Amino acid sequence: MAVTKASISPDIRKRLGPRTLGQVLASLYPVDCQACGRPLDGVPALVVDDLGVTSTAQLTHPRCRASEWNAGPLLPTAPDAHLTWTGMNLLLPMERDGDVEMRPLLLVNPGLEMVFLDHDGHGGRHIHLPVSFQTAGMVTPGPLLRVEQPIDGAVVRLAHGEVAVTLTESPPRTFAVNANPQFLAHARQAGGVLFAATYAVNPHEIRELRDLEPVLAGDRTLMGWVELAQLREQRPSPQQPPGPTQTFVLHHSGQHLSVGVLLAHTAEPMNVADAQRWALRVIGENQAEHLMDWEPTSVGDPAAGWSVMNFISGEDYLLRRYPDGWRLVQAFSRAEGPVGIETDGEMRAWAAAHVQRKTGTRGVRWQPGPAPDGATTLYGQP
């Protein structure tokens, strides 16, 4: 059940107001503390981290973080370090041409213990789902929802006993839940699933169709039709007008693997601090207030360089020193730790798949080039 009682500071009550505060509490579930990650016990504290353009409201142990409105700019923990998500699938009866047919629906709540808050334009705040869902093409249920018209930013894969939807924008995120043979058969026949992300309910508490009423009414919910990955892969890529040639960078060092597009290269000698300032100028002043702090891309692996993320768009930037200067790359995908790629061919295939997914570019030719000590760097062009 959603939280019924919480420690709430006076400034949170004043800034949110009773209506928004009530909606926030109705959207939060006391599972894990967002400060320490351990299970919540007793009465949790409500903490708001004000990030400027957006904010987060989350539950913590009062002993870990007392209720407060934190105006930042530093965050005690990453916004989703201990976040719990839940999902379930069902066959939803929907009317079509006078007949009722069963539609496969995958429903997820992306964060039981934390919600995002946005400015409403009138000095108040309202709940909004992570921007990645909207970027993928999902909309509020209603006239804008086109059932069986696939959204661009997600695909679904079916396996034995599992359905998995992947949001393909950077950084990619997958929601996988168990599925019975009946659901999988309907999804294959339909060529996809209806995918819903919501803060209005906890999917694990759905017992009957009427429990879905807030979701279908569009309460704190986004939805879209997601097609099967194999159907997306079989469709010919649309012809794009020729544009400037891009250079893609595939980097492998120690416990780090990444691929992205080269944004800038400078041969000017710089220390780390100067290089980071240069990189921020390249990224652009319009993004400056949305960027988190620079962090080592891979702890214990100096060749992996530095990274910074735009917490609104999710765009991830990598900065590394090479023998011929600094390079700034916008990452399409990256992985830390053992990545399960053992050969050069597998690494190139992995990179080519992410380049095609992000840019539609096929047939990239990879060539070795300048690389930090202890690393392999390949540069690709169409």
Protein backbone atom coordinates (compact mmCIF):
# COMPACT_ATOMS: atom_id res chain seq x y z
CA MET A 1 0.00 0.00 0.00
CA ALA A 2 1.00 3.61 -0.53
CA VAL A 3 2.49 5.36 2.48
CA THR A 4 -0.20 6.50 4.92
CA LYS A 5 1.96 8.31 7.45
CA ALA A 6 5.27 10.11 7.10
CA SER A 7 7.47 12.67 8.83
CA ILE A 8 7.07 15.85 6.75
CA SER A 9 8.94 19.10 7.37
CA PRO A 10 7.01 22.40 7.46
CA ASP A 11 8.82 23.74 4.39
CA ILE A 12 7.75 20.72 2.32
CA ARG A 13 4.14 21.18 3.43
CA LYS A 14 4.28 24.87 2.52
CA ARG A 15 6.03 24.47 -0.85
CA LEU A 16 3.95 21.54 -2.10
CA GLY A 17 0.59 22.48 -0.66
CA PRO A 18 -2.03 19.99 0.53
CA ARG A 19 -3.19 18.83 -2.92
CA THR A 20 0.23 18.03 -4.38
CA LEU A 21 1.47 16.65 -1.07
CA GLY A 22 -1.49 14.28 -0.93
CA GLN A 23 -0.80 13.10 -4.45
CA VAL A 24 2.89 12.59 -3.67
CA LEU A 25 2.09 10.45 -0.62
CA ALA A 26 -0.43 8.45 -2.66
CA SER A 27 2.37 7.71 -5.16
CA LEU A 28 5.02 6.51 -2.71
CA TYR A 29 5.41 3.02 -1.22
CA PRO A 30 7.62 2.30 1.82
CA VAL A 31 9.94 -0.39 0.46
CA ASP A 32 13.62 0.66 0.74
CA CYS A 33 15.24 3.75 2.24
CA GLN A 34 16.54 5.99 -0.52
CA ALA A 35 19.53 6.99 1.59
CA CYS A 36 20.89 3.65 2.84
CA GLY A 37 19.04 1.07 0.72
CA ARG A 38 17.80 -0.98 3.65
CA PRO A 39 14.10 -1.82 4.14
CA LEU A 40 11.97 0.97 5.54
CA ASP A 41 10.59 0.33 8.99
CA GLY A 42 8.39 2.53 11.13
CA VAL A 43 7.31 5.97 9.94
CA PRO A 44 9.45 7.12 6.96
CA ALA A 45 10.64 10.66 6.30
CA LEU A 46 9.68 12.56 3.15
CA VAL A 47 12.66 14.29 1.55
CA VAL A 48 12.55 16.64 -1.44
CA ASP A 49 15.73 17.29 -3.44
CA ASP A 50 15.21 20.45 -5.48
CA LEU A 51 17.29 20.15 -8.65
CA GLY A 52 16.09 23.41 -10.19
CA VAL A 53 14.11 22.48 -13.28
CA THR A 54 12.85 19.31 -11.64
CA SER A 55 12.79 17.84 -8.13
CA THR A 56 12.47 14.44 -6.50
CA ALA A 57 10.32 13.43 -3.53
CA GLN A 58 11.49 10.27 -1.79
CA LEU A 59 11.17 8.17 1.35
CA THR A 60 14.02 7.63 3.80
CA HIS A 61 14.64 6.47 7.35
CA PRO A 62 14.44 9.58 9.57
CA ARG A 63 17.77 8.49 11.08
CA CYS A 64 19.38 8.45 7.60
CA ARG A 65 17.90 11.70 6.29
CA ALA A 66 15.43 13.82 8.21
CA SER A 67 12.55 15.32 6.27
CA GLU A 68 13.76 18.45 4.48
CA TRP A 69 13.51 20.51 1.33
CA ASN A 70 17.08 20.28 0.03
CA ALA A 71 17.88 23.04 -2.45
CA GLY A 72 21.15 21.38 -3.46
CA PRO A 73 23.11 21.57 -5.62
CA LEU A 74 24.74 18.45 -4.11
CA LEU A 75 22.78 15.23 -3.68
CA PRO A 76 23.63 12.83 -0.83
CA THR A 77 23.04 9.83 -3.14
CA ALA A 78 22.32 9.21 -6.82
CA PRO A 79 18.61 9.84 -7.53
CA ASP A 80 17.81 6.18 -8.24
CA ALA A 81 20.54 4.31 -6.37
CA HIS A 82 18.11 2.32 -4.20
CA LEU A 83 14.92 2.62 -6.21
CA THR A 84 12.48 -0.30 -6.50
CA TRP A 85 10.36 -0.86 -9.60
CA THR A 86 7.55 -3.36 -10.08
CA GLY A 87 5.71 -4.71 -13.11
CA MET A 88 3.02 -7.13 -14.20
CA ASN A 89 1.30 -8.16 -17.41
CA LEU A 90 -2.27 -9.02 -18.27
CA LEU A 91 -4.65 -9.30 -21.19
CA LEU A 92 -6.78 -6.16 -21.34
CA PRO A 93 -10.20 -6.33 -23.02
CA MET A 94 -10.52 -3.48 -25.51
CA GLU A 95 -13.24 -2.68 -28.02
CA ARG A 96 -12.31 -2.58 -31.70
CA ASP A 97 -14.78 -2.24 -34.59
CA GLY A 98 -17.63 -3.28 -32.31
CA ASP A 99 -15.84 -6.38 -31.05
CA VAL A 100 -13.95 -6.94 -27.81
CA GLU A 101 -10.46 -8.33 -28.16
CA MET A 102 -7.70 -8.99 -25.65
CA ARG A 103 -4.68 -6.70 -25.78
CA PRO A 104 -1.40 -7.66 -24.08
CA LEU A 105 -0.53 -4.98 -21.51
CA LEU A 106 2.76 -4.62 -19.62
CA LEU A 107 2.33 -2.27 -16.66
CA VAL A 108 5.28 -0.93 -14.63
CA ASN A 109 5.77 1.48 -11.77
CA PRO A 110 9.35 2.75 -12.31
CA GLY A 111 9.90 3.95 -8.75
CA LEU A 112 7.94 2.96 -5.67
CA GLU A 113 9.92 5.08 -3.21
CA MET A 114 10.56 8.19 -5.34
CA VAL A 115 8.66 10.43 -7.77
CA PHE A 116 9.74 13.36 -9.91
CA LEU A 117 8.18 16.80 -9.48
CA ASP A 118 8.03 19.49 -12.14
CA HIS A 119 7.01 23.16 -12.05
CA ASP A 120 3.38 23.64 -13.12
CA GLY A 121 3.95 27.19 -14.42
CA HIS A 122 1.99 28.79 -11.57
CA GLY A 123 4.48 28.48 -8.74
CA GLY A 124 3.44 24.96 -7.78
CA ARG A 125 4.66 21.44 -8.53
CA HIS A 126 3.12 18.39 -10.12
CA ILE A 127 4.20 14.77 -10.42
CA HIS A 128 5.76 13.62 -13.67
CA LEU A 129 7.27 10.34 -14.77
CA PRO A 130 10.96 10.11 -15.75
CA VAL A 131 11.56 12.00 -18.99
CA SER A 132 12.84 8.83 -20.69
CA PHE A 133 9.26 7.57 -21.11
CA GLN A 134 8.12 10.74 -22.84
CA THR A 135 11.28 10.79 -24.96
CA ALA A 136 10.43 7.25 -26.08
CA GLY A 137 7.13 8.52 -27.47
CA MET A 138 4.72 7.53 -24.69
CA VAL A 139 1.67 9.74 -24.08
CA THR A 140 -1.12 10.14 -21.56
CA PRO A 141 -3.91 7.63 -22.29
CA GLY A 142 -6.60 9.34 -24.35
CA PRO A 143 -6.99 10.73 -27.87
CA LEU A 144 -3.20 10.93 -28.44
CA LEU A 145 -2.70 7.22 -27.78
CA ARG A 146 -2.52 5.19 -31.00
CA VAL A 147 -2.89 1.51 -30.27
CA GLU A 148 -0.73 -0.56 -32.64
CA GLN A 149 1.12 2.52 -33.93
CA PRO A 150 4.59 1.77 -32.53
CA ILE A 151 6.47 4.40 -30.57
CA ASP A 152 10.02 5.06 -31.76
CA GLY A 153 11.96 4.79 -28.52
CA ALA A 154 11.19 1.27 -27.29
CA VAL A 155 11.10 -2.36 -28.39
CA VAL A 156 9.78 -5.53 -26.76
CA ARG A 157 11.41 -8.95 -26.72
CA LEU A 158 9.65 -12.18 -25.86
CA ALA A 159 11.42 -15.16 -24.36
CA HIS A 160 10.30 -18.36 -22.74
CA GLY A 161 8.33 -17.18 -19.71
CA GLU A 162 9.34 -13.51 -19.97
CA VAL A 163 8.37 -10.25 -21.66
CA ALA A 164 10.93 -7.41 -21.69
CA VAL A 165 10.45 -3.82 -22.90
CA THR A 166 13.60 -1.78 -23.50
CA LEU A 167 13.61 2.01 -23.71
CA THR A 168 16.27 2.51 -26.36
CA GLU A 169 17.20 6.13 -25.75
CA SER A 170 20.41 6.81 -23.81
CA PRO A 171 20.75 5.48 -21.21
CA PRO A 172 18.75 2.38 -22.22
CA ARG A 173 16.60 0.72 -19.58
CA THR A 174 14.82 -2.63 -19.66
CA PHE A 175 11.73 -3.74 -17.74
CA ALA A 176 11.39 -7.54 -17.77
CA VAL A 177 8.64 -9.53 -16.02
CA ASN A 178 7.44 -13.12 -16.07
CA ALA A 179 4.74 -13.93 -18.62
CA ASN A 180 2.54 -16.99 -19.16
CA PRO A 181 2.18 -18.75 -22.55
CA GLN A 182 -1.23 -17.17 -23.19
CA PHE A 183 0.12 -13.64 -22.84
CA LEU A 184 3.15 -14.41 -25.00
CA ALA A 185 0.94 -15.91 -27.72
CA HIS A 186 -1.25 -12.78 -27.83
CA ALA A 187 1.84 -10.54 -27.94
CA ARG A 188 3.32 -12.48 -30.87
CA GLN A 189 0.03 -12.40 -32.75
CA ALA A 190 -0.42 -8.67 -32.12
CA GLY A 191 3.21 -7.89 -32.98
CA GLY A 192 3.85 -6.09 -29.71
CA VAL A 193 2.44 -5.01 -26.37
CA LEU A 194 0.73 -2.01 -24.86
CA PHE A 195 3.25 -0.57 -22.41
CA ALA A 196 2.18 1.63 -19.49
CA ALA A 197 4.34 3.42 -16.92
CA THR A 198 2.53 4.80 -13.90
CA TYR A 199 2.89 6.23 -10.42
CA ALA A 200 -0.85 5.77 -9.76
CA VAL A 201 -0.72 2.11 -8.71
CA ASN A 202 1.68 -0.58 -7.60
CA PRO A 203 1.34 -3.31 -10.25
CA HIS A 204 1.90 -6.00 -7.63
CA GLU A 205 -1.33 -4.88 -5.94
CA ILE A 206 -3.53 -5.25 -9.04
CA ARG A 207 -6.16 -7.89 -8.34
CA GLU A 208 -8.96 -7.12 -10.84
CA LEU A 209 -9.62 -4.88 -13.84
CA ARG A 210 -11.20 -2.09 -11.84
CA ASP A 211 -7.85 -1.62 -10.05
CA LEU A 212 -6.56 -0.35 -13.41
CA GLU A 213 -9.04 2.51 -13.61
CA PRO A 214 -6.54 5.24 -12.55
CA VAL A 215 -4.06 3.98 -15.16
CA LEU A 216 -6.57 3.90 -18.02
CA ALA A 217 -7.87 7.32 -16.97
CA GLY A 218 -4.37 8.76 -17.41
CA ASP A 219 -3.66 9.49 -13.75
CA ARG A 220 0.14 9.87 -13.43
CA THR A 221 0.46 7.50 -16.40
CA LEU A 222 2.11 7.37 -19.83
CA MET A 223 1.39 4.67 -22.39
CA GLY A 224 2.45 3.55 -25.86
CA TRP A 225 2.36 0.63 -28.24
CA VAL A 226 5.73 -1.16 -28.37
CA GLU A 227 6.46 -3.47 -31.28
CA LEU A 228 8.46 -6.68 -31.30
CA ALA A 229 12.19 -6.14 -31.78
CA GLN A 230 12.35 -8.60 -34.68
CA LEU A 231 9.66 -6.66 -36.55
CA ARG A 232 11.56 -3.41 -36.02
CA GLU A 233 14.78 -5.03 -37.26
CA GLN A 234 13.11 -6.42 -40.41
CA ARG A 235 11.69 -3.05 -41.48
CA PRO A 236 13.87 -1.19 -44.00
CA SER A 237 15.53 1.90 -42.55
CA PRO A 238 14.09 5.16 -43.89
CA GLN A 239 16.29 6.94 -46.37
CA GLN A 240 17.98 9.88 -44.70
CA PRO A 241 19.35 12.86 -46.63
CA PRO A 242 23.14 12.89 -46.62
CA GLY A 243 24.61 14.92 -43.79
CA PRO A 244 28.03 15.66 -42.36
CA THR A 245 30.12 12.57 -41.71
CA GLN A 246 30.19 11.54 -38.08
CA THR A 247 32.99 9.75 -36.30
CA PHE A 248 32.05 7.08 -33.79
CA VAL A 249 34.34 6.06 -30.95
CA LEU A 250 34.48 2.51 -29.56
CA HIS A 251 36.53 2.33 -26.37
CA HIS A 252 37.49 -0.74 -24.34
CA SER A 253 39.70 -0.59 -21.27
CA GLY A 254 39.86 -2.90 -18.30
CA GLN A 255 36.39 -3.03 -16.82
CA HIS A 256 34.82 -0.47 -19.19
CA LEU A 257 33.22 -0.62 -22.64
CA SER A 258 31.54 2.28 -24.45
CA VAL A 259 30.50 3.54 -27.85
CA GLY A 260 29.33 6.98 -28.92
CA VAL A 261 29.75 9.86 -31.33
CA LEU A 262 32.76 12.16 -31.26
CA LEU A 263 31.69 15.73 -30.39
CA ALA A 264 35.08 17.44 -30.24
CA HIS A 265 38.83 16.86 -30.15
CA THR A 266 41.48 19.26 -28.93
CA ALA A 267 45.24 18.81 -29.07
CA GLU A 268 45.80 21.71 -26.66
CA PRO A 269 47.69 20.56 -23.52
CA MET A 270 45.27 20.67 -20.56
CA ASN A 271 45.04 19.30 -17.06
CA VAL A 272 41.84 17.51 -16.01
CA ALA A 273 40.10 20.62 -14.63
CA ASP A 274 40.79 22.66 -17.78
CA ALA A 275 39.66 19.78 -20.00
CA GLN A 276 36.41 19.51 -18.10
CA ARG A 277 35.76 23.22 -18.52
CA TRP A 278 36.50 22.88 -22.25
CA ALA A 279 34.10 19.96 -22.48
CA LEU A 280 31.32 21.91 -20.77
CA ARG A 281 31.72 24.72 -23.32
CA VAL A 282 31.33 22.16 -26.11
CA ILE A 283 28.26 20.60 -24.49
CA GLY A 284 26.69 24.05 -24.27
CA GLU A 285 25.63 26.58 -21.67
CA ASN A 286 21.96 25.69 -22.16
CA GLN A 287 22.63 22.31 -20.56
CA ALA A 288 24.93 23.51 -17.77
CA GLU A 289 22.29 23.65 -15.02
CA HIS A 290 21.12 20.13 -15.86
CA LEU A 291 24.52 18.46 -15.63
CA MET A 292 25.61 16.40 -12.65
CA ASP A 293 29.18 16.53 -11.30
CA TRP A 294 32.06 14.98 -13.24
CA GLU A 295 32.91 11.51 -11.99
CA PRO A 296 35.49 8.88 -12.96
CA THR A 297 33.82 6.80 -15.67
CA SER A 298 35.11 3.55 -14.17
CA VAL A 299 36.59 3.47 -10.67
CA GLY A 300 40.09 2.02 -10.73
CA ASP A 301 40.41 2.28 -14.53
CA PRO A 302 42.10 5.63 -15.38
CA ALA A 303 41.94 4.93 -19.12
CA ALA A 304 38.13 5.16 -18.95
CA GLY A 305 38.37 8.89 -18.24
CA TRP A 306 35.56 11.06 -16.86
CA SER A 307 31.82 11.19 -17.36
CA VAL A 308 28.98 13.65 -16.76
CA MET A 309 25.24 13.14 -17.26
CA ASN A 310 22.35 15.47 -18.05
CA PHE A 311 19.85 14.34 -15.40
CA ILE A 312 16.90 15.71 -17.41
CA SER A 313 17.59 14.21 -20.85
CA GLY A 314 19.73 11.29 -19.66
CA GLU A 315 22.46 12.18 -22.18
CA ASP A 316 25.83 10.82 -21.08
CA TYR A 317 29.15 12.46 -22.00
CA LEU A 318 32.61 10.86 -21.78
CA LEU A 319 35.87 12.82 -21.59
CA ARG A 320 39.25 11.10 -22.07
CA ARG A 321 42.89 12.05 -22.52
CA TYR A 322 44.55 10.47 -25.58
CA PRO A 323 48.14 10.66 -26.80
CA ASP A 324 47.06 13.39 -29.26
CA GLY A 325 44.82 15.38 -26.90
CA TRP A 326 41.41 15.28 -25.26
CA ARG A 327 38.25 13.87 -26.87
CA LEU A 328 34.63 14.44 -25.84
CA VAL A 329 32.14 11.71 -26.80
CA GLN A 330 28.38 11.56 -26.37
CA ALA A 331 27.81 7.97 -25.29
CA PHE A 332 25.22 5.76 -26.98
CA SER A 333 25.84 2.94 -24.51
CA ARG A 334 28.42 1.92 -21.94
CA ALA A 335 28.98 -0.97 -19.57
CA GLU A 336 31.08 -1.42 -16.48
CA GLY A 337 32.61 -4.62 -15.10
CA PRO A 338 32.64 -7.95 -16.97
CA VAL A 339 30.69 -7.30 -20.16
CA GLY A 340 30.65 -10.78 -21.71
CA ILE A 341 32.45 -9.68 -24.89
CA GLU A 342 35.54 -11.74 -25.57
CA THR A 343 36.56 -11.06 -29.18
CA ASP A 344 37.23 -8.04 -31.36
CA GLY A 345 34.42 -9.12 -33.67
CA GLU A 346 31.90 -9.27 -30.83
CA MET A 347 32.96 -5.81 -29.68
CA ARG A 348 32.51 -4.34 -33.17
CA ALA A 349 29.11 -6.02 -33.58
CA TRP A 350 27.98 -4.65 -30.20
CA ALA A 351 29.08 -1.14 -31.16
CA ALA A 352 27.54 -1.32 -34.65
CA ALA A 353 24.18 -2.32 -33.16
CA HIS A 354 24.12 0.72 -30.86
CA VAL A 355 25.25 3.08 -33.63
CA GLN A 356 22.46 1.80 -35.90
CA ARG A 357 19.89 2.06 -33.12
CA LYS A 358 20.81 5.67 -32.31
CA THR A 359 21.56 7.08 -35.75
CA GLY A 360 20.25 4.60 -38.33
CA THR A 361 23.81 4.31 -39.68
CA ARG A 362 24.82 0.91 -41.05
CA GLY A 363 28.05 -0.47 -42.43
CA VAL A 364 30.38 1.41 -40.08
CA ARG A 365 34.07 0.73 -40.81
CA TRP A 366 36.15 0.57 -37.63
CA GLN A 367 39.84 1.43 -37.60
CA PRO A 368 42.29 1.48 -34.67
CA GLY A 369 43.57 4.89 -33.63
CA PRO A 370 45.03 6.85 -30.71
CA ALA A 371 44.23 5.16 -27.40
CA PRO A 372 45.13 5.72 -23.75
CA ASP A 373 47.60 3.30 -22.19
CA GLY A 374 45.94 -0.01 -21.40
CA ALA A 375 42.99 0.63 -23.68
CA THR A 376 41.77 -0.18 -27.18
CA THR A 377 40.07 2.58 -29.16
CA LEU A 378 38.48 2.10 -32.58
CA TYR A 379 37.17 4.94 -34.72
CA GLY A 380 34.28 4.29 -37.06
CA GLN A 381 32.79 6.07 -40.07
CA PRO A 382 30.09 5.02 -42.56
